[in-house]
Amino acid sequence: MAQYLLSVHSVEGEAAPSPSDEEMQRYMEQIHALEDELKSTESWVFGGALHGPDTATVVRVANDEVLTTDGPFAESREHIGGFYIINAEDLDAALAWASKVTAIVGKPIEVRPFRAVSGA
């Protein structure tokens, strides 16, 4: 079984009305049901939602000095808003999970396999 990253992408400035409390409750119920399904099939590894890109800090080393800068690494309107790390038999299985995620969150999902680590 391989591991895949399912990253949820958001676009800054996309006009979306704020959900009502009832809509947010239904949304969270759907997310929890999906996560329960992932766990019940032993596909779940880890997942999380991220704060906005304005909370990011980038760390680099230049001339043996650690430098930090505020803001996201990429100057872009598109940012990762959350992610899942899953176990899946193959890319088709990972894509099937991604289709369930995008149907709930209404955002594009990027699917990427992890590289195999030798000796693991």
C-alpha atoms as a PDB file:
ATOM      1  CA  MET A   1       0.000   0.000   0.000  1.00  0.00           C
ATOM      2  CA  ALA A   2       1.314   3.472  -0.864  1.00  0.00           C
ATOM      3  CA  GLN A   3       0.791   6.774   0.900  1.00  0.00           C
ATOM      4  CA  TYR A   4      -0.670   9.783  -0.869  1.00  0.00           C
ATOM      5  CA  LEU A   5      -1.057  13.447   0.000  1.00  0.00           C
ATOM      6  CA  LEU A   6      -4.477  14.894  -0.779  1.00  0.00           C
ATOM      7  CA  SER A   7      -4.048  18.666  -0.550  1.00  0.00           C
ATOM      8  CA  VAL A   8      -7.050  20.962  -0.481  1.00  0.00           C
ATOM      9  CA  HIS A   9      -6.415  24.168  -2.434  1.00  0.00           C
ATOM     10  CA  SER A  10      -8.045  27.519  -1.775  1.00  0.00           C
ATOM     11  CA  VAL A  11      -7.917  30.688  -3.839  1.00  0.00           C
ATOM     12  CA  GLU A  12      -7.507  33.991  -2.025  1.00  0.00           C
ATOM     13  CA  GLY A  13     -10.285  36.441  -2.771  1.00  0.00           C
ATOM     14  CA  GLU A  14     -12.756  33.865  -4.102  1.00  0.00           C
ATOM     15  CA  ALA A  15     -16.164  35.259  -3.362  1.00  0.00           C
ATOM     16  CA  ALA A  16     -18.022  32.812  -1.173  1.00  0.00           C
ATOM     17  CA  PRO A  17     -20.836  33.693   1.200  1.00  0.00           C
ATOM     18  CA  SER A  18     -20.263  32.755   4.812  1.00  0.00           C
ATOM     19  CA  PRO A  19     -22.142  29.561   5.629  1.00  0.00           C
ATOM     20  CA  SER A  20     -24.946  29.644   8.146  1.00  0.00           C
ATOM     21  CA  ASP A  21     -24.506  27.747  11.417  1.00  0.00           C
ATOM     22  CA  GLU A  22     -26.716  24.954  10.043  1.00  0.00           C
ATOM     23  CA  GLU A  23     -24.706  24.745   6.803  1.00  0.00           C
ATOM     24  CA  MET A  24     -21.453  24.640   8.765  1.00  0.00           C
ATOM     25  CA  GLN A  25     -22.820  21.892  11.005  1.00  0.00           C
ATOM     26  CA  ARG A  26     -23.849  19.793   7.949  1.00  0.00           C
ATOM     27  CA  TYR A  27     -20.438  20.400   6.372  1.00  0.00           C
ATOM     28  CA  MET A  28     -18.608  19.273   9.520  1.00  0.00           C
ATOM     29  CA  GLU A  29     -20.831  16.187   9.773  1.00  0.00           C
ATOM     30  CA  GLN A  30     -19.891  15.281   6.194  1.00  0.00           C
ATOM     31  CA  ILE A  31     -16.182  15.816   6.899  1.00  0.00           C
ATOM     32  CA  HIS A  32     -16.359  13.679  10.053  1.00  0.00           C
ATOM     33  CA  ALA A  33     -18.238  10.937   8.178  1.00  0.00           C
ATOM     34  CA  LEU A  34     -15.575  10.912   5.463  1.00  0.00           C
ATOM     35  CA  GLU A  35     -12.803  10.777   8.061  1.00  0.00           C
ATOM     36  CA  ASP A  36     -14.599   7.923   9.845  1.00  0.00           C
ATOM     37  CA  GLU A  37     -14.836   6.076   6.517  1.00  0.00           C
ATOM     38  CA  LEU A  38     -11.110   6.609   5.900  1.00  0.00           C
ATOM     39  CA  LYS A  39     -10.344   5.276   9.382  1.00  0.00           C
ATOM     40  CA  SER A  40     -12.668   2.267   9.046  1.00  0.00           C
ATOM     41  CA  THR A  41     -10.875   1.174   5.862  1.00  0.00           C
ATOM     42  CA  GLU A  42      -7.428   1.765   7.404  1.00  0.00           C
ATOM     43  CA  SER A  43      -6.776   4.428   4.765  1.00  0.00           C
ATOM     44  CA  TRP A  44      -6.430   7.250   7.318  1.00  0.00           C
ATOM     45  CA  VAL A  45      -2.921   8.322   8.308  1.00  0.00           C
ATOM     46  CA  PHE A  46      -3.321  11.998   9.246  1.00  0.00           C
ATOM     47  CA  GLY A  47      -5.189  15.115   8.221  1.00  0.00           C
ATOM     48  CA  GLY A  48      -5.634  18.719   9.165  1.00  0.00           C
ATOM     49  CA  ALA A  49      -6.908  22.158   8.254  1.00  0.00           C
ATOM     50  CA  LEU A  50      -4.446  25.037   8.099  1.00  0.00           C
ATOM     51  CA  HIS A  51      -4.701  28.649   9.174  1.00  0.00           C
ATOM     52  CA  GLY A  52      -4.515  31.206   6.364  1.00  0.00           C
ATOM     53  CA  PRO A  53      -1.314  31.898   4.434  1.00  0.00           C
ATOM     54  CA  ASP A  54      -0.814  35.159   6.312  1.00  0.00           C
ATOM     55  CA  THR A  55       0.173  33.039   9.355  1.00  0.00           C
ATOM     56  CA  ALA A  56       3.002  31.270   7.482  1.00  0.00           C
ATOM     57  CA  THR A  57       6.700  31.704   8.211  1.00  0.00           C
ATOM     58  CA  VAL A  58       9.395  30.613   5.767  1.00  0.00           C
ATOM     59  CA  VAL A  59      12.739  29.362   7.128  1.00  0.00           C
ATOM     60  CA  ARG A  60      15.911  29.268   4.999  1.00  0.00           C
ATOM     61  CA  VAL A  61      19.648  28.996   5.485  1.00  0.00           C
ATOM     62  CA  ALA A  62      21.892  31.417   3.583  1.00  0.00           C
ATOM     63  CA  ASN A  63      25.606  31.802   4.294  1.00  0.00           C
ATOM     64  CA  ASP A  64      25.228  29.529   7.334  1.00  0.00           C
ATOM     65  CA  GLU A  65      22.657  31.912   8.811  1.00  0.00           C
ATOM     66  CA  VAL A  66      19.039  30.954   9.485  1.00  0.00           C
ATOM     67  CA  LEU A  67      16.652  33.482   7.978  1.00  0.00           C
ATOM     68  CA  THR A  68      12.920  33.690   8.581  1.00  0.00           C
ATOM     69  CA  THR A  69      10.384  35.695   6.627  1.00  0.00           C
ATOM     70  CA  ASP A  70       6.698  36.251   7.260  1.00  0.00           C
ATOM     71  CA  GLY A  71       4.120  35.073   4.788  1.00  0.00           C
ATOM     72  CA  PRO A  72       3.806  32.093   2.493  1.00  0.00           C
ATOM     73  CA  PHE A  73       6.740  30.757   0.466  1.00  0.00           C
ATOM     74  CA  ALA A  74       5.012  31.236  -2.875  1.00  0.00           C
ATOM     75  CA  GLU A  75       3.651  34.630  -3.885  1.00  0.00           C
ATOM     76  CA  SER A  76       0.349  33.285  -5.122  1.00  0.00           C
ATOM     77  CA  ARG A  77      -3.384  33.607  -4.677  1.00  0.00           C
ATOM     78  CA  GLU A  78      -3.626  29.817  -4.402  1.00  0.00           C
ATOM     79  CA  HIS A  79      -2.717  28.161  -1.118  1.00  0.00           C
ATOM     80  CA  ILE A  80      -3.046  24.820   0.612  1.00  0.00           C
ATOM     81  CA  GLY A  81      -5.943  25.088   3.040  1.00  0.00           C
ATOM     82  CA  GLY A  82      -5.748  21.570   4.435  1.00  0.00           C
ATOM     83  CA  PHE A  83      -4.637  18.055   3.678  1.00  0.00           C
ATOM     84  CA  TYR A  84      -5.011  14.347   4.250  1.00  0.00           C
ATOM     85  CA  ILE A  85      -2.300  11.735   4.198  1.00  0.00           C
ATOM     86  CA  ILE A  86      -3.853   8.434   3.245  1.00  0.00           C
ATOM     87  CA  ASN A  87      -2.941   4.824   2.492  1.00  0.00           C
ATOM     88  CA  ALA A  88      -4.253   3.600  -0.861  1.00  0.00           C
ATOM     89  CA  GLU A  89      -3.684   0.523  -3.008  1.00  0.00           C
ATOM     90  CA  ASP A  90      -2.894   2.648  -6.067  1.00  0.00           C
ATOM     91  CA  LEU A  91      -3.458   6.018  -7.722  1.00  0.00           C
ATOM     92  CA  ASP A  92      -7.005   5.082  -8.761  1.00  0.00           C
ATOM     93  CA  ALA A  93      -7.930   4.389  -5.123  1.00  0.00           C
ATOM     94  CA  ALA A  94      -6.342   7.680  -4.028  1.00  0.00           C
ATOM     95  CA  LEU A  95      -8.267   9.531  -6.741  1.00  0.00           C
ATOM     96  CA  ALA A  96     -11.495   7.927  -5.531  1.00  0.00           C
ATOM     97  CA  TRP A  97     -10.853   9.304  -2.030  1.00  0.00           C
ATOM     98  CA  ALA A  98      -9.975  12.722  -3.511  1.00  0.00           C
ATOM     99  CA  SER A  99     -13.289  12.772  -5.388  1.00  0.00           C
ATOM    100  CA  LYS A 100     -15.110  12.279  -2.079  1.00  0.00           C
ATOM    101  CA  VAL A 101     -13.143  15.110  -0.472  1.00  0.00           C
ATOM    102  CA  THR A 102     -13.746  17.585  -3.317  1.00  0.00           C
ATOM    103  CA  ALA A 103     -17.461  16.742  -3.374  1.00  0.00           C
ATOM    104  CA  ILE A 104     -17.670  17.853   0.268  1.00  0.00           C
ATOM    105  CA  VAL A 105     -15.294  20.819   0.392  1.00  0.00           C
ATOM    106  CA  GLY A 106     -15.957  22.178  -3.097  1.00  0.00           C
ATOM    107  CA  LYS A 107     -12.248  22.907  -3.624  1.00  0.00           C
ATOM    108  CA  PRO A 108      -9.675  21.356  -5.956  1.00  0.00           C
ATOM    109  CA  ILE A 109      -7.725  18.440  -4.500  1.00  0.00           C
ATOM    110  CA  GLU A 110      -4.167  17.695  -5.607  1.00  0.00           C
ATOM    111  CA  VAL A 111      -3.163  14.032  -5.272  1.00  0.00           C
ATOM    112  CA  ARG A 112       0.542  13.198  -4.952  1.00  0.00           C
ATOM    113  CA  PRO A 113       2.227   9.951  -3.988  1.00  0.00           C
ATOM    114  CA  PHE A 114       4.966   9.866  -1.376  1.00  0.00           C
ATOM    115  CA  ARG A 115       8.308   8.537  -2.516  1.00  0.00           C
ATOM    116  CA  ALA A 116       9.269   5.172  -1.090  1.00  0.00           C
ATOM    117  CA  VAL A 117      11.895   5.508   1.627  1.00  0.00           C
ATOM    118  CA  SER A 118      14.619   2.894   1.493  1.00  0.00           C
ATOM    119  CA  GLY A 119      15.170   0.967   4.695  1.00  0.00           C
ATOM    120  CA  ALA A 120      11.725   1.811   6.053  1.00  0.00           C
END
